[in-house]
Amino acid sequence: MAIITHRQRLKLAINHQEPDRVPLDFGTGGNTSPTPEVYSQLAKIYQVQAPIQYVPHMMRLAQVDEIILQALEIDTRPIYMNPVSIGIRPCTEPGFFYDEWGVKWREFDLGGVIYRE
């Protein structure tokens, strides 16, 4: 089979045709984006110096740098919706905060691992 682009590989798979290999997805959302702790280790391996950028929602996930996506031959790229720039709003309840969409979140620190719900 001839060498195909990432886009062609993904289109073939979506159209139920057989690409040269299974398309790879990493960093496009909640199921495939790494936590900041994992991403910082990955960034060290690939010598990415840029500071961690977060996925623009409150799931504590890191955006994967293009250098890593290319090195791993990842076929997909994320598309993000950007909310208005009002930032995180404080909340009077301890352990809670509002995100830029106005959604109320609770944050748990379980010994260095932070969860949000």
N, C-alpha and C. Protein backbone atom coordinates (compact mmCIF):
# COMPACT_ATOMS: atom_id res chain seq x y z
N MET A 1 0.84 -1.17 0.00
CA MET A 1 0.00 0.00 0.00
C MET A 1 0.89 1.24 0.00
N ALA A 2 0.51 2.26 -0.71
CA ALA A 2 1.25 3.50 -0.77
C ALA A 2 1.19 4.23 0.56
N ILE A 3 2.18 5.09 0.82
CA ILE A 3 2.17 5.89 2.03
C ILE A 3 1.01 6.88 1.96
N ILE A 4 0.24 6.93 3.03
CA ILE A 4 -0.90 7.84 3.04
C ILE A 4 -0.74 8.84 4.19
N THR A 5 -1.48 9.93 4.09
CA THR A 5 -1.42 10.97 5.12
C THR A 5 -2.26 10.56 6.32
N HIS A 6 -2.05 11.28 7.42
CA HIS A 6 -2.86 11.04 8.62
C HIS A 6 -4.34 11.25 8.33
N ARG A 7 -4.63 12.31 7.59
CA ARG A 7 -6.03 12.61 7.25
C ARG A 7 -6.63 11.49 6.41
N GLN A 8 -5.89 11.01 5.41
CA GLN A 8 -6.40 9.93 4.57
C GLN A 8 -6.64 8.67 5.39
N ARG A 9 -5.71 8.37 6.30
CA ARG A 9 -5.84 7.18 7.15
C ARG A 9 -7.12 7.26 7.98
N LEU A 10 -7.35 8.41 8.57
CA LEU A 10 -8.54 8.59 9.40
C LEU A 10 -9.81 8.53 8.57
N LYS A 11 -9.81 9.16 7.39
CA LYS A 11 -10.99 9.12 6.52
C LYS A 11 -11.31 7.69 6.08
N LEU A 12 -10.28 6.92 5.76
CA LEU A 12 -10.52 5.52 5.38
C LEU A 12 -11.19 4.76 6.52
N ALA A 13 -10.68 4.92 7.72
CA ALA A 13 -11.24 4.21 8.87
C ALA A 13 -12.68 4.65 9.14
N ILE A 14 -12.94 5.95 9.07
CA ILE A 14 -14.30 6.46 9.29
C ILE A 14 -15.26 5.91 8.24
N ASN A 15 -14.77 5.74 7.01
CA ASN A 15 -15.61 5.22 5.92
C ASN A 15 -15.61 3.69 5.85
N HIS A 16 -15.17 3.04 6.93
CA HIS A 16 -15.17 1.58 7.02
C HIS A 16 -14.34 0.92 5.92
N GLN A 17 -13.25 1.59 5.56
CA GLN A 17 -12.29 1.03 4.62
C GLN A 17 -11.01 0.75 5.40
N GLU A 18 -10.19 -0.15 4.89
CA GLU A 18 -9.00 -0.54 5.63
C GLU A 18 -7.80 0.36 5.30
N PRO A 19 -7.33 1.12 6.30
CA PRO A 19 -6.12 1.93 6.08
C PRO A 19 -4.88 1.05 6.23
N ASP A 20 -3.71 1.66 6.06
CA ASP A 20 -2.46 0.92 6.20
C ASP A 20 -2.20 0.47 7.63
N ARG A 21 -2.76 1.19 8.60
CA ARG A 21 -2.69 0.81 10.00
C ARG A 21 -3.85 1.49 10.73
N VAL A 22 -4.09 1.07 11.95
CA VAL A 22 -5.15 1.67 12.75
C VAL A 22 -4.75 3.11 13.07
N PRO A 23 -5.64 4.08 12.84
CA PRO A 23 -5.32 5.48 13.19
C PRO A 23 -5.09 5.62 14.69
N LEU A 24 -4.12 6.43 15.05
CA LEU A 24 -3.79 6.66 16.45
C LEU A 24 -4.33 8.00 16.92
N ASP A 25 -4.90 7.99 18.13
CA ASP A 25 -5.44 9.20 18.73
C ASP A 25 -4.77 9.39 20.09
N PHE A 26 -4.27 10.59 20.33
CA PHE A 26 -3.68 10.92 21.62
C PHE A 26 -3.83 12.40 21.85
N GLY A 27 -4.45 12.75 22.96
CA GLY A 27 -4.54 14.15 23.33
C GLY A 27 -5.71 14.92 22.76
N THR A 28 -6.75 14.24 22.29
CA THR A 28 -7.88 14.98 21.72
C THR A 28 -9.07 15.10 22.66
N GLY A 29 -8.94 14.65 23.88
CA GLY A 29 -10.06 14.81 24.79
C GLY A 29 -9.91 13.98 26.04
N GLY A 30 -11.01 13.84 26.76
CA GLY A 30 -11.01 13.18 28.05
C GLY A 30 -10.49 11.77 28.07
N ASN A 31 -10.70 11.02 27.01
CA ASN A 31 -10.27 9.63 27.00
C ASN A 31 -8.81 9.44 26.61
N THR A 32 -8.24 10.39 25.90
CA THR A 32 -6.88 10.19 25.41
C THR A 32 -5.90 11.28 25.83
N SER A 33 -6.34 12.27 26.58
CA SER A 33 -5.44 13.33 27.02
C SER A 33 -4.78 12.95 28.34
N PRO A 34 -3.49 13.22 28.48
CA PRO A 34 -2.80 12.86 29.72
C PRO A 34 -3.04 13.87 30.83
N THR A 35 -2.93 13.41 32.07
CA THR A 35 -2.96 14.33 33.20
C THR A 35 -1.66 15.14 33.19
N PRO A 36 -1.63 16.28 33.87
CA PRO A 36 -0.40 17.08 33.88
C PRO A 36 0.81 16.32 34.41
N GLU A 37 0.59 15.46 35.40
CA GLU A 37 1.70 14.69 35.97
C GLU A 37 2.30 13.74 34.93
N VAL A 38 1.47 13.07 34.19
CA VAL A 38 1.94 12.16 33.14
C VAL A 38 2.57 12.96 32.00
N TYR A 39 1.91 14.05 31.61
CA TYR A 39 2.43 14.85 30.49
C TYR A 39 3.80 15.43 30.80
N SER A 40 4.03 15.87 32.04
CA SER A 40 5.34 16.45 32.36
C SER A 40 6.45 15.43 32.16
N GLN A 41 6.18 14.16 32.47
CA GLN A 41 7.19 13.12 32.23
C GLN A 41 7.39 12.87 30.74
N LEU A 42 6.31 12.86 29.99
CA LEU A 42 6.38 12.69 28.54
C LEU A 42 7.13 13.85 27.89
N ALA A 43 6.87 15.07 28.37
CA ALA A 43 7.55 16.25 27.84
C ALA A 43 9.06 16.17 28.09
N LYS A 44 9.46 15.61 29.23
CA LYS A 44 10.90 15.43 29.51
C LYS A 44 11.53 14.47 28.50
N ILE A 45 10.83 13.37 28.23
CA ILE A 45 11.36 12.37 27.29
C ILE A 45 11.57 12.99 25.91
N TYR A 46 10.61 13.80 25.46
CA TYR A 46 10.69 14.41 24.12
C TYR A 46 11.29 15.81 24.15
N GLN A 47 11.84 16.20 25.29
CA GLN A 47 12.54 17.47 25.46
C GLN A 47 11.69 18.68 25.05
N VAL A 48 10.42 18.65 25.43
CA VAL A 48 9.52 19.77 25.18
C VAL A 48 9.70 20.76 26.33
N GLN A 49 10.10 21.97 26.03
CA GLN A 49 10.38 22.97 27.05
C GLN A 49 9.19 23.87 27.37
N ALA A 50 8.19 23.89 26.51
CA ALA A 50 7.04 24.78 26.69
C ALA A 50 6.29 24.41 27.97
N PRO A 51 5.74 25.41 28.66
CA PRO A 51 4.94 25.11 29.86
C PRO A 51 3.69 24.32 29.50
N ILE A 52 3.18 23.58 30.46
CA ILE A 52 1.98 22.78 30.24
C ILE A 52 0.79 23.69 29.96
N GLN A 53 0.08 23.40 28.88
CA GLN A 53 -1.17 24.08 28.55
C GLN A 53 -2.29 23.10 28.88
N TYR A 54 -3.36 23.60 29.45
CA TYR A 54 -4.46 22.72 29.83
C TYR A 54 -5.56 22.71 28.77
N VAL A 55 -6.21 21.55 28.66
CA VAL A 55 -7.38 21.43 27.80
C VAL A 55 -8.42 22.41 28.36
N PRO A 56 -9.07 23.19 27.51
CA PRO A 56 -9.97 24.24 28.03
C PRO A 56 -11.29 23.73 28.61
N HIS A 57 -11.18 22.84 29.55
CA HIS A 57 -12.30 22.47 30.41
C HIS A 57 -11.69 21.99 31.71
N MET A 58 -12.47 21.63 32.66
CA MET A 58 -11.96 21.43 34.01
C MET A 58 -11.61 19.99 34.35
N MET A 59 -11.15 19.21 33.40
CA MET A 59 -10.86 17.81 33.68
C MET A 59 -9.41 17.56 34.09
N ARG A 60 -8.61 18.64 34.28
CA ARG A 60 -7.20 18.52 34.63
C ARG A 60 -6.44 17.68 33.61
N LEU A 61 -6.55 18.03 32.36
CA LEU A 61 -5.85 17.33 31.31
C LEU A 61 -4.94 18.30 30.57
N ALA A 62 -3.81 17.78 30.12
CA ALA A 62 -2.83 18.61 29.43
C ALA A 62 -2.99 18.50 27.92
N GLN A 63 -2.77 19.62 27.24
CA GLN A 63 -2.71 19.60 25.77
C GLN A 63 -1.36 19.01 25.38
N VAL A 64 -1.36 18.17 24.37
CA VAL A 64 -0.13 17.52 23.93
C VAL A 64 0.53 18.37 22.85
N ASP A 65 1.80 18.67 23.04
CA ASP A 65 2.56 19.50 22.12
C ASP A 65 2.70 18.81 20.76
N GLU A 66 2.70 19.60 19.71
CA GLU A 66 2.81 19.08 18.34
C GLU A 66 4.09 18.26 18.14
N ILE A 67 5.15 18.61 18.84
CA ILE A 67 6.41 17.85 18.74
C ILE A 67 6.18 16.40 19.12
N ILE A 68 5.44 16.18 20.20
CA ILE A 68 5.16 14.81 20.66
C ILE A 68 4.21 14.11 19.71
N LEU A 69 3.17 14.81 19.23
CA LEU A 69 2.22 14.21 18.30
C LEU A 69 2.93 13.74 17.03
N GLN A 70 3.85 14.54 16.53
CA GLN A 70 4.59 14.15 15.33
C GLN A 70 5.55 13.00 15.61
N ALA A 71 6.23 13.05 16.74
CA ALA A 71 7.19 11.99 17.08
C ALA A 71 6.49 10.64 17.22
N LEU A 72 5.29 10.65 17.76
CA LEU A 72 4.53 9.40 17.95
C LEU A 72 3.66 9.04 16.75
N GLU A 73 3.72 9.87 15.70
CA GLU A 73 2.93 9.66 14.48
C GLU A 73 1.44 9.54 14.78
N ILE A 74 0.95 10.47 15.60
CA ILE A 74 -0.47 10.50 15.96
C ILE A 74 -1.27 11.07 14.79
N ASP A 75 -2.37 10.44 14.48
CA ASP A 75 -3.17 10.80 13.30
C ASP A 75 -4.19 11.91 13.55
N THR A 76 -4.56 12.13 14.79
CA THR A 76 -5.62 13.09 15.10
C THR A 76 -5.04 14.36 15.72
N ARG A 77 -5.83 15.43 15.69
CA ARG A 77 -5.49 16.68 16.35
C ARG A 77 -6.75 17.19 17.04
N PRO A 78 -6.60 17.80 18.21
CA PRO A 78 -7.77 18.29 18.94
C PRO A 78 -8.34 19.57 18.35
N ILE A 79 -9.61 19.77 18.57
CA ILE A 79 -10.29 21.02 18.24
C ILE A 79 -10.99 21.45 19.53
N TYR A 80 -10.70 22.66 19.99
CA TYR A 80 -11.25 23.12 21.25
C TYR A 80 -12.21 24.28 21.04
N MET A 81 -13.24 24.32 21.88
CA MET A 81 -14.12 25.49 21.96
C MET A 81 -13.52 26.37 23.04
N ASN A 82 -13.39 27.63 22.77
CA ASN A 82 -12.84 28.53 23.76
C ASN A 82 -13.94 29.39 24.37
N PRO A 83 -14.09 29.34 25.69
CA PRO A 83 -15.12 30.15 26.35
C PRO A 83 -14.70 31.62 26.39
N VAL A 84 -15.60 32.45 26.82
CA VAL A 84 -15.25 33.86 26.99
C VAL A 84 -14.16 33.98 28.04
N SER A 85 -13.40 35.02 27.97
CA SER A 85 -12.22 35.17 28.84
C SER A 85 -12.55 35.85 30.16
N ILE A 86 -13.45 35.28 30.94
CA ILE A 86 -13.73 35.87 32.25
C ILE A 86 -12.98 35.13 33.34
N GLY A 87 -12.39 33.99 33.03
CA GLY A 87 -11.60 33.25 33.99
C GLY A 87 -12.42 32.51 35.02
N ILE A 88 -11.73 31.88 35.94
CA ILE A 88 -12.38 31.12 37.00
C ILE A 88 -12.95 32.09 38.02
N ARG A 89 -14.20 31.90 38.36
CA ARG A 89 -14.86 32.76 39.34
C ARG A 89 -14.77 32.10 40.71
N PRO A 90 -14.51 32.87 41.74
CA PRO A 90 -14.43 32.29 43.08
C PRO A 90 -15.80 31.82 43.55
N CYS A 91 -15.76 30.91 44.50
CA CYS A 91 -16.98 30.39 45.11
C CYS A 91 -16.80 30.49 46.62
N THR A 92 -17.84 30.81 47.33
CA THR A 92 -17.73 30.98 48.79
C THR A 92 -17.63 29.64 49.53
N GLU A 93 -18.01 28.54 48.87
CA GLU A 93 -17.93 27.23 49.51
C GLU A 93 -16.51 26.68 49.40
N PRO A 94 -15.91 26.24 50.51
CA PRO A 94 -14.55 25.69 50.45
C PRO A 94 -14.46 24.47 49.54
N GLY A 95 -13.40 24.43 48.72
CA GLY A 95 -13.18 23.29 47.82
C GLY A 95 -13.96 23.37 46.52
N PHE A 96 -14.74 24.42 46.31
CA PHE A 96 -15.54 24.58 45.10
C PHE A 96 -15.07 25.80 44.33
N PHE A 97 -15.31 25.81 43.02
CA PHE A 97 -15.04 26.99 42.20
C PHE A 97 -15.93 26.91 40.96
N TYR A 98 -16.08 28.03 40.28
CA TYR A 98 -16.82 28.08 39.02
C TYR A 98 -15.81 28.21 37.88
N ASP A 99 -16.02 27.48 36.79
CA ASP A 99 -15.15 27.64 35.63
C ASP A 99 -15.64 28.78 34.77
N GLU A 100 -14.95 29.01 33.66
CA GLU A 100 -15.29 30.13 32.78
C GLU A 100 -16.64 29.97 32.09
N TRP A 101 -17.24 28.77 32.14
CA TRP A 101 -18.57 28.55 31.57
C TRP A 101 -19.65 28.75 32.62
N GLY A 102 -19.25 28.99 33.87
CA GLY A 102 -20.21 29.16 34.95
C GLY A 102 -20.61 27.85 35.61
N VAL A 103 -19.88 26.77 35.32
CA VAL A 103 -20.17 25.46 35.91
C VAL A 103 -19.45 25.36 37.25
N LYS A 104 -20.16 24.91 38.26
CA LYS A 104 -19.59 24.77 39.60
C LYS A 104 -18.89 23.42 39.72
N TRP A 105 -17.63 23.43 40.21
CA TRP A 105 -16.83 22.23 40.36
C TRP A 105 -16.37 22.08 41.80
N ARG A 106 -16.14 20.85 42.21
CA ARG A 106 -15.54 20.55 43.50
C ARG A 106 -14.20 19.89 43.23
N GLU A 107 -13.20 20.28 44.01
CA GLU A 107 -11.86 19.73 43.81
C GLU A 107 -11.45 18.92 45.04
N PHE A 108 -10.92 17.72 44.79
CA PHE A 108 -10.44 16.83 45.85
C PHE A 108 -8.95 16.63 45.67
N ASP A 109 -8.19 16.78 46.73
CA ASP A 109 -6.76 16.47 46.70
C ASP A 109 -6.57 15.19 47.51
N LEU A 110 -6.27 14.11 46.82
CA LEU A 110 -6.10 12.81 47.48
C LEU A 110 -4.62 12.45 47.52
N GLY A 111 -3.89 13.14 48.34
CA GLY A 111 -2.48 12.85 48.48
C GLY A 111 -1.66 13.18 47.26
N GLY A 112 -1.87 14.32 46.67
CA GLY A 112 -1.10 14.74 45.50
C GLY A 112 -1.79 14.46 44.18
N VAL A 113 -2.84 13.69 44.19
CA VAL A 113 -3.62 13.46 42.97
C VAL A 113 -4.92 14.25 43.12
N ILE A 114 -5.16 15.15 42.18
CA ILE A 114 -6.31 16.04 42.29
C ILE A 114 -7.42 15.57 41.35
N TYR A 115 -8.61 15.45 41.88
CA TYR A 115 -9.79 15.09 41.09
C TYR A 115 -10.77 16.25 41.13
N ARG A 116 -11.48 16.42 40.06
CA ARG A 116 -12.53 17.44 40.00
C ARG A 116 -13.82 16.80 39.55
N GLU A 117 -14.92 17.23 40.18
CA GLU A 117 -16.24 16.74 39.77
C GLU A 117 -17.24 17.86 39.82
